[in-house]
Amino acid sequence: MIRLERLRPDHADALLSFERANRAYFARTIPDRGDAYFADFPARHAALLAEQEAGICHFHVILDAEGTLAGRINLLDADAGTAELGYRVGERFTGRGVAKAAVRQVCRLATDAYGLSTLTARTTLDNAASMAVLAGTGFTTVGETVVGGRPGLRYARRLT
């Protein structure tokens, strides 16, 4: 069982620890955030909160049943009823349905709380787990793309 919480200032320390602990794991299938992300994390976190306050993006942490930060899931560039879905789940939480459960929950939030009607997503071709999550939660492949210099696929899901 997981729950989503909208990103808050008090999530900063847990989020930074999560990103540091999983950096090498994430870099295997998605572009690395780079050293500046970690060095400037407080400013980056504040900027995300400002974007969220402005309604541009909707950021969430994924918590397990014990309240441990298991991942993050975001709706980026919300405009005209559409946003781009992005998520990452920590290595020790993979293979347990966390990503699928989080995507299902954020799809409900996208419709009910944020008034969105369509979500898009992208993933690299070497990220089979992410492709399976997207396919298993109602997203369909709509084309090819490049993600951080790597070949990938674009997905979309109509919510209403």
C-alpha atoms as a PDB file:
ATOM      1  CA  MET A   1       0.000   0.000   0.000  1.00  0.00           C
ATOM      2  CA  ILE A   2       1.364   3.393  -0.985  1.00  0.00           C
ATOM      3  CA  ARG A   3       0.156   6.942  -0.687  1.00  0.00           C
ATOM      4  CA  LEU A   4       1.005  10.134  -2.515  1.00  0.00           C
ATOM      5  CA  GLU A   5       1.669  13.435  -0.798  1.00  0.00           C
ATOM      6  CA  ARG A   6       1.880  16.723  -2.595  1.00  0.00           C
ATOM      7  CA  LEU A   7       5.434  18.054  -2.374  1.00  0.00           C
ATOM      8  CA  ARG A   8       6.029  20.258   0.682  1.00  0.00           C
ATOM      9  CA  PRO A   9       9.015  22.127   2.117  1.00  0.00           C
ATOM     10  CA  ASP A  10       9.467  19.497   4.841  1.00  0.00           C
ATOM     11  CA  HIS A  11      10.022  16.757   2.241  1.00  0.00           C
ATOM     12  CA  ALA A  12      13.385  18.289   1.242  1.00  0.00           C
ATOM     13  CA  ASP A  13      15.712  16.251   3.469  1.00  0.00           C
ATOM     14  CA  ALA A  14      14.065  12.887   2.722  1.00  0.00           C
ATOM     15  CA  LEU A  15      13.934  13.684  -0.979  1.00  0.00           C
ATOM     16  CA  LEU A  16      17.596  14.623  -1.152  1.00  0.00           C
ATOM     17  CA  SER A  17      18.555  11.430   0.712  1.00  0.00           C
ATOM     18  CA  PHE A  18      16.380   9.397  -1.671  1.00  0.00           C
ATOM     19  CA  GLU A  19      17.970  10.980  -4.758  1.00  0.00           C
ATOM     20  CA  ARG A  20      21.503  10.451  -3.433  1.00  0.00           C
ATOM     21  CA  ALA A  21      20.856   6.835  -2.425  1.00  0.00           C
ATOM     22  CA  ASN A  22      19.396   5.978  -5.841  1.00  0.00           C
ATOM     23  CA  ARG A  23      21.550   8.119  -8.131  1.00  0.00           C
ATOM     24  CA  ALA A  24      23.587   5.289  -9.655  1.00  0.00           C
ATOM     25  CA  TYR A  25      20.515   3.078  -9.959  1.00  0.00           C
ATOM     26  CA  PHE A  26      18.536   5.753 -11.819  1.00  0.00           C
ATOM     27  CA  ALA A  27      21.462   6.584 -14.117  1.00  0.00           C
ATOM     28  CA  ARG A  28      21.267   3.078 -15.585  1.00  0.00           C
ATOM     29  CA  THR A  29      18.020   3.888 -17.421  1.00  0.00           C
ATOM     30  CA  ILE A  30      17.379   7.633 -17.199  1.00  0.00           C
ATOM     31  CA  PRO A  31      19.628  10.666 -17.642  1.00  0.00           C
ATOM     32  CA  ASP A  32      21.623  11.564 -14.526  1.00  0.00           C
ATOM     33  CA  ARG A  33      20.626  14.779 -12.778  1.00  0.00           C
ATOM     34  CA  GLY A  34      24.242  15.943 -12.552  1.00  0.00           C
ATOM     35  CA  ASP A  35      26.302  17.205  -9.627  1.00  0.00           C
ATOM     36  CA  ALA A  36      24.733  20.680  -9.682  1.00  0.00           C
ATOM     37  CA  TYR A  37      21.335  19.180  -8.820  1.00  0.00           C
ATOM     38  CA  PHE A  38      22.701  17.878  -5.529  1.00  0.00           C
ATOM     39  CA  ALA A  39      24.887  20.902  -4.755  1.00  0.00           C
ATOM     40  CA  ASP A  40      21.993  23.323  -5.303  1.00  0.00           C
ATOM     41  CA  PHE A  41      19.228  21.099  -3.919  1.00  0.00           C
ATOM     42  CA  PRO A  42      17.695  23.627  -1.482  1.00  0.00           C
ATOM     43  CA  ALA A  43      17.284  26.189  -4.269  1.00  0.00           C
ATOM     44  CA  ARG A  44      15.976  23.525  -6.654  1.00  0.00           C
ATOM     45  CA  HIS A  45      13.422  22.328  -4.091  1.00  0.00           C
ATOM     46  CA  ALA A  46      12.241  25.912  -3.504  1.00  0.00           C
ATOM     47  CA  ALA A  47      11.899  26.428  -7.265  1.00  0.00           C
ATOM     48  CA  LEU A  48       9.766  23.285  -7.582  1.00  0.00           C
ATOM     49  CA  LEU A  49       7.498  24.481  -4.800  1.00  0.00           C
ATOM     50  CA  ALA A  50       7.119  27.847  -6.546  1.00  0.00           C
ATOM     51  CA  GLU A  51       6.194  26.103  -9.832  1.00  0.00           C
ATOM     52  CA  GLN A  52       3.662  24.020  -7.953  1.00  0.00           C
ATOM     53  CA  GLU A  53       2.185  27.081  -6.235  1.00  0.00           C
ATOM     54  CA  ALA A  54       1.809  28.730  -9.650  1.00  0.00           C
ATOM     55  CA  GLY A  55      -0.063  25.665 -10.963  1.00  0.00           C
ATOM     56  CA  ILE A  56       2.559  24.931 -13.620  1.00  0.00           C
ATOM     57  CA  CYS A  57       3.464  21.527 -12.182  1.00  0.00           C
ATOM     58  CA  HIS A  58       2.160  19.108  -9.565  1.00  0.00           C
ATOM     59  CA  PHE A  59       4.876  17.301  -7.616  1.00  0.00           C
ATOM     60  CA  HIS A  60       4.322  14.346  -5.276  1.00  0.00           C
ATOM     61  CA  VAL A  61       6.329  11.997  -3.122  1.00  0.00           C
ATOM     62  CA  ILE A  62       5.409   8.317  -2.957  1.00  0.00           C
ATOM     63  CA  LEU A  63       5.378   6.920   0.568  1.00  0.00           C
ATOM     64  CA  ASP A  64       5.151   3.273   1.555  1.00  0.00           C
ATOM     65  CA  ALA A  65       2.906   1.970   4.360  1.00  0.00           C
ATOM     66  CA  GLU A  66       5.544   2.910   6.970  1.00  0.00           C
ATOM     67  CA  GLY A  67       5.918   6.439   5.618  1.00  0.00           C
ATOM     68  CA  THR A  68       9.285   5.825   3.941  1.00  0.00           C
ATOM     69  CA  LEU A  69       9.893   7.797   0.775  1.00  0.00           C
ATOM     70  CA  ALA A  70       9.749   5.181  -1.990  1.00  0.00           C
ATOM     71  CA  GLY A  71       9.698   7.474  -5.005  1.00  0.00           C
ATOM     72  CA  ARG A  72       8.351  10.568  -6.614  1.00  0.00           C
ATOM     73  CA  ILE A  73       5.738  11.179  -9.266  1.00  0.00           C
ATOM     74  CA  ASN A  74       5.128  14.460 -11.034  1.00  0.00           C
ATOM     75  CA  LEU A  75       2.833  16.127 -13.519  1.00  0.00           C
ATOM     76  CA  LEU A  76       4.916  18.634 -15.453  1.00  0.00           C
ATOM     77  CA  ASP A  77       4.008  21.622 -17.597  1.00  0.00           C
ATOM     78  CA  ALA A  78       0.262  21.470 -16.939  1.00  0.00           C
ATOM     79  CA  ASP A  79      -1.423  23.533 -19.633  1.00  0.00           C
ATOM     80  CA  ALA A  80      -4.717  23.361 -21.525  1.00  0.00           C
ATOM     81  CA  GLY A  81      -5.749  20.124 -19.815  1.00  0.00           C
ATOM     82  CA  THR A  82      -2.498  18.257 -20.516  1.00  0.00           C
ATOM     83  CA  ALA A  83       0.614  17.484 -18.473  1.00  0.00           C
ATOM     84  CA  GLU A  84       3.652  15.242 -18.784  1.00  0.00           C
ATOM     85  CA  LEU A  85       3.949  12.401 -16.287  1.00  0.00           C
ATOM     86  CA  GLY A  86       7.330  11.662 -14.741  1.00  0.00           C
ATOM     87  CA  TYR A  87       8.169   9.238 -11.958  1.00  0.00           C
ATOM     88  CA  ARG A  88      10.998   7.363 -10.302  1.00  0.00           C
ATOM     89  CA  VAL A  89      10.884   4.623  -7.712  1.00  0.00           C
ATOM     90  CA  GLY A  90      13.834   3.752  -5.499  1.00  0.00           C
ATOM     91  CA  GLU A  91      15.719   0.548  -6.206  1.00  0.00           C
ATOM     92  CA  ARG A  92      14.634  -1.229  -3.030  1.00  0.00           C
ATOM     93  CA  PHE A  93      10.961  -0.622  -3.905  1.00  0.00           C
ATOM     94  CA  THR A  94      11.025  -1.961  -7.461  1.00  0.00           C
ATOM     95  CA  GLY A  95       9.132  -5.064  -8.508  1.00  0.00           C
ATOM     96  CA  ARG A  96       6.424  -4.525  -5.894  1.00  0.00           C
ATOM     97  CA  GLY A  97       3.826  -2.612  -7.911  1.00  0.00           C
ATOM     98  CA  VAL A  98       4.747   0.751  -6.402  1.00  0.00           C
ATOM     99  CA  ALA A  99       5.103   2.551  -9.740  1.00  0.00           C
ATOM    100  CA  LYS A 100       1.833   1.176 -11.139  1.00  0.00           C
ATOM    101  CA  ALA A 101      -0.065   2.061  -7.980  1.00  0.00           C
ATOM    102  CA  ALA A 102       1.411   5.574  -7.978  1.00  0.00           C
ATOM    103  CA  VAL A 103       0.592   6.137 -11.664  1.00  0.00           C
ATOM    104  CA  ARG A 104      -2.991   5.000 -11.079  1.00  0.00           C
ATOM    105  CA  GLN A 105      -3.325   7.359  -8.109  1.00  0.00           C
ATOM    106  CA  VAL A 106      -1.812  10.327  -9.910  1.00  0.00           C
ATOM    107  CA  CYS A 107      -4.116   9.744 -12.886  1.00  0.00           C
ATOM    108  CA  ARG A 108      -7.099  10.093 -10.522  1.00  0.00           C
ATOM    109  CA  LEU A 109      -5.579  13.240  -9.006  1.00  0.00           C
ATOM    110  CA  ALA A 110      -4.897  14.623 -12.471  1.00  0.00           C
ATOM    111  CA  THR A 111      -8.595  14.430 -13.280  1.00  0.00           C
ATOM    112  CA  ASP A 112     -10.226  15.124  -9.916  1.00  0.00           C
ATOM    113  CA  ALA A 113      -7.873  17.664  -8.337  1.00  0.00           C
ATOM    114  CA  TYR A 114      -6.046  19.268 -11.260  1.00  0.00           C
ATOM    115  CA  GLY A 115      -8.672  19.214 -14.026  1.00  0.00           C
ATOM    116  CA  LEU A 116      -6.437  17.497 -16.566  1.00  0.00           C
ATOM    117  CA  SER A 117      -7.793  15.385 -19.411  1.00  0.00           C
ATOM    118  CA  THR A 118      -4.630  13.981 -21.027  1.00  0.00           C
ATOM    119  CA  LEU A 119      -1.259  12.856 -19.765  1.00  0.00           C
ATOM    120  CA  THR A 120       1.853  12.230 -21.814  1.00  0.00           C
ATOM    121  CA  ALA A 121       5.022  10.382 -20.813  1.00  0.00           C
ATOM    122  CA  ARG A 122       8.418   9.438 -22.225  1.00  0.00           C
ATOM    123  CA  THR A 123      10.889   6.712 -21.448  1.00  0.00           C
ATOM    124  CA  THR A 124      14.106   5.345 -22.860  1.00  0.00           C
ATOM    125  CA  LEU A 125      14.003   2.132 -24.877  1.00  0.00           C
ATOM    126  CA  ASP A 126      16.232   0.399 -22.324  1.00  0.00           C
ATOM    127  CA  ASN A 127      13.780   1.061 -19.480  1.00  0.00           C
ATOM    128  CA  ALA A 128      11.572  -2.020 -19.841  1.00  0.00           C
ATOM    129  CA  ALA A 129      10.109  -1.571 -16.357  1.00  0.00           C
ATOM    130  CA  SER A 130       8.837   1.919 -17.147  1.00  0.00           C
ATOM    131  CA  MET A 131       7.404   0.779 -20.479  1.00  0.00           C
ATOM    132  CA  ALA A 132       5.543  -1.998 -18.639  1.00  0.00           C
ATOM    133  CA  VAL A 133       4.189   0.451 -16.044  1.00  0.00           C
ATOM    134  CA  LEU A 134       2.913   2.806 -18.718  1.00  0.00           C
ATOM    135  CA  ALA A 135       1.331   0.033 -20.784  1.00  0.00           C
ATOM    136  CA  GLY A 136      -0.211  -1.474 -17.643  1.00  0.00           C
ATOM    137  CA  THR A 137      -1.828   1.802 -16.621  1.00  0.00           C
ATOM    138  CA  GLY A 138      -3.568   2.656 -19.881  1.00  0.00           C
ATOM    139  CA  PHE A 139      -0.905   4.625 -21.741  1.00  0.00           C
ATOM    140  CA  THR A 140      -0.398   3.913 -25.430  1.00  0.00           C
ATOM    141  CA  THR A 141       2.702   4.449 -27.517  1.00  0.00           C
ATOM    142  CA  VAL A 142       2.325   7.469 -29.794  1.00  0.00           C
ATOM    143  CA  GLY A 143       5.788   7.801 -31.290  1.00  0.00           C
ATOM    144  CA  GLU A 144       9.530   7.831 -30.888  1.00  0.00           C
ATOM    145  CA  THR A 145      11.593  10.423 -29.058  1.00  0.00           C
ATOM    146  CA  VAL A 146      14.985  11.043 -27.511  1.00  0.00           C
ATOM    147  CA  VAL A 147      15.356  11.227 -23.724  1.00  0.00           C
ATOM    148  CA  GLY A 148      18.623  12.681 -22.500  1.00  0.00           C
ATOM    149  CA  GLY A 149      20.360  11.699 -25.726  1.00  0.00           C
ATOM    150  CA  ARG A 150      18.992   8.144 -25.630  1.00  0.00           C
ATOM    151  CA  PRO A 151      16.351   6.705 -27.967  1.00  0.00           C
ATOM    152  CA  GLY A 152      12.921   6.414 -26.407  1.00  0.00           C
ATOM    153  CA  LEU A 153       9.178   6.249 -26.835  1.00  0.00           C
ATOM    154  CA  ARG A 154       6.404   8.791 -26.271  1.00  0.00           C
ATOM    155  CA  TYR A 155       3.146   7.740 -24.611  1.00  0.00           C
ATOM    156  CA  ALA A 156      -0.271   9.306 -24.032  1.00  0.00           C
ATOM    157  CA  ARG A 157      -3.358   8.536 -21.981  1.00  0.00           C
ATOM    158  CA  ARG A 158      -6.738  10.212 -22.188  1.00  0.00           C
ATOM    159  CA  LEU A 159      -8.156  10.538 -18.673  1.00  0.00           C
ATOM    160  CA  THR A 160     -11.799  11.383 -19.370  1.00  0.00           C
END
